Amino acid sequence: MISRDVVVNLQADATARPVAVLVQLASKYESKVYIVAKDKKINAKSIMGMMSLGFGQGDKLTIQAEGNDAEDAVKEIADYIESVA
């Protein structure tokens, strides 16, 4: 399993658009992809699960992925979460 800690760069609580983009990014990979935050481990390919996290500016998340393309998945998702403005 590949994992990476990130700090969210959003100006307010996660809204539908950034979360939807994150789910789209995760969904293009074959690997299982999870976001860990606030003692929850959520499937990053689930829009409802991701919306339930309610993360915002400055929150720390861990991205985890397991599978053939896990490294690429973690890198792209981490880069997105850290760069959203």
C-alpha atoms as a PDB file:
ATOM      1  CA  MET A   1       0.000   0.000   0.000  1.00  0.00           C
ATOM      2  CA  ILE A   2       1.208   3.470  -0.943  1.00  0.00           C
ATOM      3  CA  SER A   3       0.251   6.422   1.269  1.00  0.00           C
ATOM      4  CA  ARG A   4       0.943  10.128   1.502  1.00  0.00           C
ATOM      5  CA  ASP A   5      -0.091  12.792   3.995  1.00  0.00           C
ATOM      6  CA  VAL A   6      -1.384  16.064   2.586  1.00  0.00           C
ATOM      7  CA  VAL A   7      -2.763  19.371   3.820  1.00  0.00           C
ATOM      8  CA  VAL A   8      -5.953  20.558   2.137  1.00  0.00           C
ATOM      9  CA  ASN A   9      -5.791  23.821   0.217  1.00  0.00           C
ATOM     10  CA  LEU A  10      -9.444  24.886   0.030  1.00  0.00           C
ATOM     11  CA  GLN A  11     -10.770  28.280   1.044  1.00  0.00           C
ATOM     12  CA  ALA A  12     -13.900  26.832   2.716  1.00  0.00           C
ATOM     13  CA  ASP A  13     -15.361  23.446   3.622  1.00  0.00           C
ATOM     14  CA  ALA A  14     -15.104  20.998   0.754  1.00  0.00           C
ATOM     15  CA  THR A  15     -17.809  21.850  -1.717  1.00  0.00           C
ATOM     16  CA  ALA A  16     -19.346  19.587  -4.321  1.00  0.00           C
ATOM     17  CA  ARG A  17     -17.109  20.620  -7.222  1.00  0.00           C
ATOM     18  CA  PRO A  18     -13.648  19.931  -5.705  1.00  0.00           C
ATOM     19  CA  VAL A  19     -14.929  16.683  -4.171  1.00  0.00           C
ATOM     20  CA  ALA A  20     -16.460  15.611  -7.495  1.00  0.00           C
ATOM     21  CA  VAL A  21     -13.151  16.263  -9.265  1.00  0.00           C
ATOM     22  CA  LEU A  22     -11.305  14.278  -6.595  1.00  0.00           C
ATOM     23  CA  VAL A  23     -13.713  11.335  -7.069  1.00  0.00           C
ATOM     24  CA  GLN A  24     -13.220  11.534 -10.852  1.00  0.00           C
ATOM     25  CA  LEU A  25      -9.437  11.447 -10.408  1.00  0.00           C
ATOM     26  CA  ALA A  26      -9.618   8.440  -8.090  1.00  0.00           C
ATOM     27  CA  SER A  27     -12.054   6.626 -10.387  1.00  0.00           C
ATOM     28  CA  LYS A  28      -9.715   6.633 -13.352  1.00  0.00           C
ATOM     29  CA  TYR A  29      -7.315   4.309 -11.516  1.00  0.00           C
ATOM     30  CA  GLU A  30      -7.711   0.552 -11.118  1.00  0.00           C
ATOM     31  CA  SER A  31      -6.237   0.669  -7.615  1.00  0.00           C
ATOM     32  CA  LYS A  32      -8.331   0.862  -4.492  1.00  0.00           C
ATOM     33  CA  VAL A  33      -8.006   4.461  -3.290  1.00  0.00           C
ATOM     34  CA  TYR A  34      -8.921   5.735   0.175  1.00  0.00           C
ATOM     35  CA  ILE A  35      -8.866   9.048   2.008  1.00  0.00           C
ATOM     36  CA  VAL A  36      -8.247   8.845   5.745  1.00  0.00           C
ATOM     37  CA  ALA A  37      -9.365  11.781   7.901  1.00  0.00           C
ATOM     38  CA  LYS A  38     -10.878  12.307  11.318  1.00  0.00           C
ATOM     39  CA  ASP A  39     -10.636   8.587  12.158  1.00  0.00           C
ATOM     40  CA  LYS A  40     -12.595   7.681   8.998  1.00  0.00           C
ATOM     41  CA  LYS A  41     -11.312   5.706   6.018  1.00  0.00           C
ATOM     42  CA  ILE A  42     -13.425   6.510   2.954  1.00  0.00           C
ATOM     43  CA  ASN A  43     -13.380   5.043  -0.546  1.00  0.00           C
ATOM     44  CA  ALA A  44     -12.163   7.982  -2.660  1.00  0.00           C
ATOM     45  CA  LYS A  45     -14.301   6.745  -5.575  1.00  0.00           C
ATOM     46  CA  SER A  46     -17.522   7.280  -3.577  1.00  0.00           C
ATOM     47  CA  ILE A  47     -19.010  10.764  -3.949  1.00  0.00           C
ATOM     48  CA  MET A  48     -21.307  10.299  -0.945  1.00  0.00           C
ATOM     49  CA  GLY A  49     -18.470   9.005   1.205  1.00  0.00           C
ATOM     50  CA  MET A  50     -16.195  11.851   0.232  1.00  0.00           C
ATOM     51  CA  MET A  51     -18.880  14.463   0.907  1.00  0.00           C
ATOM     52  CA  SER A  52     -19.374  12.961   4.384  1.00  0.00           C
ATOM     53  CA  LEU A  53     -15.771  13.791   5.343  1.00  0.00           C
ATOM     54  CA  GLY A  54     -16.420  17.539   5.355  1.00  0.00           C
ATOM     55  CA  PHE A  55     -12.760  18.511   5.100  1.00  0.00           C
ATOM     56  CA  GLY A  56     -11.600  22.088   4.605  1.00  0.00           C
ATOM     57  CA  GLN A  57      -8.646  24.470   4.475  1.00  0.00           C
ATOM     58  CA  GLY A  58      -5.675  23.275   6.501  1.00  0.00           C
ATOM     59  CA  ASP A  59      -7.070  19.822   7.358  1.00  0.00           C
ATOM     60  CA  LYS A  60      -4.617  16.945   7.209  1.00  0.00           C
ATOM     61  CA  LEU A  61      -5.603  13.910   5.137  1.00  0.00           C
ATOM     62  CA  THR A  62      -3.865  10.680   4.268  1.00  0.00           C
ATOM     63  CA  ILE A  63      -4.269   9.253   0.784  1.00  0.00           C
ATOM     64  CA  GLN A  64      -3.862   5.498   0.531  1.00  0.00           C
ATOM     65  CA  ALA A  65      -3.902   3.322  -2.570  1.00  0.00           C
ATOM     66  CA  GLU A  66      -3.330  -0.338  -3.268  1.00  0.00           C
ATOM     67  CA  GLY A  67      -2.923  -1.853  -6.723  1.00  0.00           C
ATOM     68  CA  ASN A  68      -0.910  -1.704  -9.934  1.00  0.00           C
ATOM     69  CA  ASP A  69      -1.219   2.058 -10.402  1.00  0.00           C
ATOM     70  CA  ALA A  70      -1.308   3.034  -6.715  1.00  0.00           C
ATOM     71  CA  GLU A  71       1.761   5.272  -6.866  1.00  0.00           C
ATOM     72  CA  ASP A  72       0.369   7.311  -9.756  1.00  0.00           C
ATOM     73  CA  ALA A  73      -3.050   7.556  -8.082  1.00  0.00           C
ATOM     74  CA  VAL A  74      -1.629   8.828  -4.794  1.00  0.00           C
ATOM     75  CA  LYS A  75       0.604  11.360  -6.536  1.00  0.00           C
ATOM     76  CA  GLU A  76      -2.129  12.835  -8.746  1.00  0.00           C
ATOM     77  CA  ILE A  77      -4.726  13.018  -5.974  1.00  0.00           C
ATOM     78  CA  ALA A  78      -2.253  14.501  -3.482  1.00  0.00           C
ATOM     79  CA  ASP A  79      -1.126  17.104  -6.005  1.00  0.00           C
ATOM     80  CA  TYR A  80      -4.779  18.047  -6.640  1.00  0.00           C
ATOM     81  CA  ILE A  81      -5.718  18.317  -2.942  1.00  0.00           C
ATOM     82  CA  GLU A  82      -2.672  20.465  -2.193  1.00  0.00           C
ATOM     83  CA  SER A  83      -3.220  22.779  -5.163  1.00  0.00           C
ATOM     84  CA  VAL A  84      -6.984  23.434  -5.170  1.00  0.00           C
ATOM     85  CA  ALA A  85      -7.685  27.112  -4.730  1.00  0.00           C
END
